[in-house]
Amino acid sequence: MATTKTTDQTRSIVSAQTVTTTTTFTSLTRGIYVGTAGDLSVTFNDDTTVTLADAANGYHPLQVKAIQGTLTTASDVIALF
């Protein structure tokens, strides 16, 4: 699982984690980037799991605590913090 960190003017730290398996994060995401469209299964802070059918590639402003890799068919998924 790769992690990168950069600095920008609107946020002090932005980090990204590439998701390949079911991943539970230590903090909520600020968003999710999908590189290749497909189903995206996420778990919200209240433990509700939802599968977004055929999530388009691009940025999704979702605050989630986990991405269910076994239920996700989208690829090149990156969690943004």
C-alpha atoms as a PDB file:
ATOM      1  CA  MET A   1       0.000   0.000   0.000  1.00  0.00           C
ATOM      2  CA  ALA A   2       1.688   3.201  -1.185  1.00  0.00           C
ATOM      3  CA  THR A   3       1.385   6.468   0.684  1.00  0.00           C
ATOM      4  CA  THR A   4       2.375   9.870  -0.641  1.00  0.00           C
ATOM      5  CA  LYS A   5       2.322  13.277   1.027  1.00  0.00           C
ATOM      6  CA  THR A   6       2.343  16.708  -0.520  1.00  0.00           C
ATOM      7  CA  THR A   7       1.665  20.230   0.678  1.00  0.00           C
ATOM      8  CA  ASP A   8      -0.779  22.654  -0.915  1.00  0.00           C
ATOM      9  CA  GLN A   9      -2.240  26.034   0.007  1.00  0.00           C
ATOM     10  CA  THR A  10      -5.726  24.859   1.019  1.00  0.00           C
ATOM     11  CA  ARG A  11      -4.732  21.936   3.236  1.00  0.00           C
ATOM     12  CA  SER A  12      -1.606  21.555   5.293  1.00  0.00           C
ATOM     13  CA  ILE A  13      -1.129  17.850   4.530  1.00  0.00           C
ATOM     14  CA  VAL A  14      -2.755  15.748   1.838  1.00  0.00           C
ATOM     15  CA  SER A  15      -1.950  12.074   1.799  1.00  0.00           C
ATOM     16  CA  ALA A  16      -3.132   9.353  -0.516  1.00  0.00           C
ATOM     17  CA  GLN A  17      -3.372   5.601  -0.057  1.00  0.00           C
ATOM     18  CA  THR A  18      -3.789   3.253  -2.997  1.00  0.00           C
ATOM     19  CA  VAL A  19      -6.435   0.669  -2.130  1.00  0.00           C
ATOM     20  CA  THR A  20      -6.035  -2.898  -3.365  1.00  0.00           C
ATOM     21  CA  THR A  21      -7.668  -4.943  -0.579  1.00  0.00           C
ATOM     22  CA  THR A  22     -10.231  -4.211   2.119  1.00  0.00           C
ATOM     23  CA  THR A  23      -8.739  -1.251   3.935  1.00  0.00           C
ATOM     24  CA  THR A  24      -9.867   0.360   7.193  1.00  0.00           C
ATOM     25  CA  PHE A  25      -8.431   3.816   7.821  1.00  0.00           C
ATOM     26  CA  THR A  26      -7.444   5.461  11.110  1.00  0.00           C
ATOM     27  CA  SER A  27      -9.299   8.644  10.088  1.00  0.00           C
ATOM     28  CA  LEU A  28     -12.119   9.461   7.684  1.00  0.00           C
ATOM     29  CA  THR A  29     -11.215  10.150   4.076  1.00  0.00           C
ATOM     30  CA  ARG A  30     -11.730  13.588   2.525  1.00  0.00           C
ATOM     31  CA  GLY A  31     -12.498  11.941  -0.786  1.00  0.00           C
ATOM     32  CA  ILE A  32     -11.862   8.973  -3.037  1.00  0.00           C
ATOM     33  CA  TYR A  33     -10.354   8.980  -6.497  1.00  0.00           C
ATOM     34  CA  VAL A  34     -11.392   6.209  -8.881  1.00  0.00           C
ATOM     35  CA  GLY A  35      -9.021   5.698 -11.805  1.00  0.00           C
ATOM     36  CA  THR A  36     -11.070   3.092 -13.672  1.00  0.00           C
ATOM     37  CA  ALA A  37     -14.872   2.967 -13.321  1.00  0.00           C
ATOM     38  CA  GLY A  38     -16.567   0.064 -11.543  1.00  0.00           C
ATOM     39  CA  ASP A  39     -18.422  -0.785  -8.341  1.00  0.00           C
ATOM     40  CA  LEU A  40     -17.083   0.985  -5.253  1.00  0.00           C
ATOM     41  CA  SER A  41     -17.994  -0.468  -1.863  1.00  0.00           C
ATOM     42  CA  VAL A  42     -17.407   1.833   1.113  1.00  0.00           C
ATOM     43  CA  THR A  43     -18.158   1.834   4.841  1.00  0.00           C
ATOM     44  CA  PHE A  44     -19.230   5.090   6.461  1.00  0.00           C
ATOM     45  CA  ASN A  45     -18.466   6.174  10.043  1.00  0.00           C
ATOM     46  CA  ASP A  46     -21.787   4.730  11.291  1.00  0.00           C
ATOM     47  CA  ASP A  47     -20.753   1.256   9.970  1.00  0.00           C
ATOM     48  CA  THR A  48     -23.184   1.419   7.046  1.00  0.00           C
ATOM     49  CA  THR A  49     -21.691  -0.254   3.971  1.00  0.00           C
ATOM     50  CA  VAL A  50     -22.888   0.909   0.556  1.00  0.00           C
ATOM     51  CA  THR A  51     -21.861  -0.252  -2.904  1.00  0.00           C
ATOM     52  CA  LEU A  52     -21.918   2.522  -5.486  1.00  0.00           C
ATOM     53  CA  ALA A  53     -22.745   0.692  -8.724  1.00  0.00           C
ATOM     54  CA  ASP A  54     -20.575   1.679 -11.673  1.00  0.00           C
ATOM     55  CA  ALA A  55     -18.836   4.592  -9.944  1.00  0.00           C
ATOM     56  CA  ALA A  56     -17.365   6.821 -12.643  1.00  0.00           C
ATOM     57  CA  ASN A  57     -13.670   7.542 -12.789  1.00  0.00           C
ATOM     58  CA  GLY A  58     -12.717  10.776 -11.067  1.00  0.00           C
ATOM     59  CA  TYR A  59     -13.032  12.383  -7.647  1.00  0.00           C
ATOM     60  CA  HIS A  60     -15.830  11.405  -5.221  1.00  0.00           C
ATOM     61  CA  PRO A  61     -16.200  13.622  -2.100  1.00  0.00           C
ATOM     62  CA  LEU A  62     -16.920  10.758   0.311  1.00  0.00           C
ATOM     63  CA  GLN A  63     -15.976  10.643   3.981  1.00  0.00           C
ATOM     64  CA  VAL A  64     -15.560   6.945   4.694  1.00  0.00           C
ATOM     65  CA  LYS A  65     -13.689   4.839   7.202  1.00  0.00           C
ATOM     66  CA  ALA A  66     -13.156   1.793   4.970  1.00  0.00           C
ATOM     67  CA  ILE A  67     -13.176   0.602   1.390  1.00  0.00           C
ATOM     68  CA  GLN A  68     -14.307  -2.980   0.910  1.00  0.00           C
ATOM     69  CA  GLY A  69     -11.774  -4.292  -1.605  1.00  0.00           C
ATOM     70  CA  THR A  70     -13.463  -7.657  -2.078  1.00  0.00           C
ATOM     71  CA  LEU A  71     -16.721  -5.969  -3.174  1.00  0.00           C
ATOM     72  CA  THR A  72     -15.060  -3.253  -5.270  1.00  0.00           C
ATOM     73  CA  THR A  73     -14.564  -3.781  -9.006  1.00  0.00           C
ATOM     74  CA  ALA A  74     -13.301  -0.242  -9.689  1.00  0.00           C
ATOM     75  CA  SER A  75      -9.534  -0.082  -9.993  1.00  0.00           C
ATOM     76  CA  ASP A  76      -6.795   2.432  -9.312  1.00  0.00           C
ATOM     77  CA  VAL A  77      -8.740   3.543  -6.224  1.00  0.00           C
ATOM     78  CA  ILE A  78      -6.979   6.129  -4.076  1.00  0.00           C
ATOM     79  CA  ALA A  79      -8.209   7.294  -0.656  1.00  0.00           C
ATOM     80  CA  LEU A  80      -7.494  10.975  -0.041  1.00  0.00           C
ATOM     81  CA  PHE A  81      -6.986  12.466   3.418  1.00  0.00           C
END
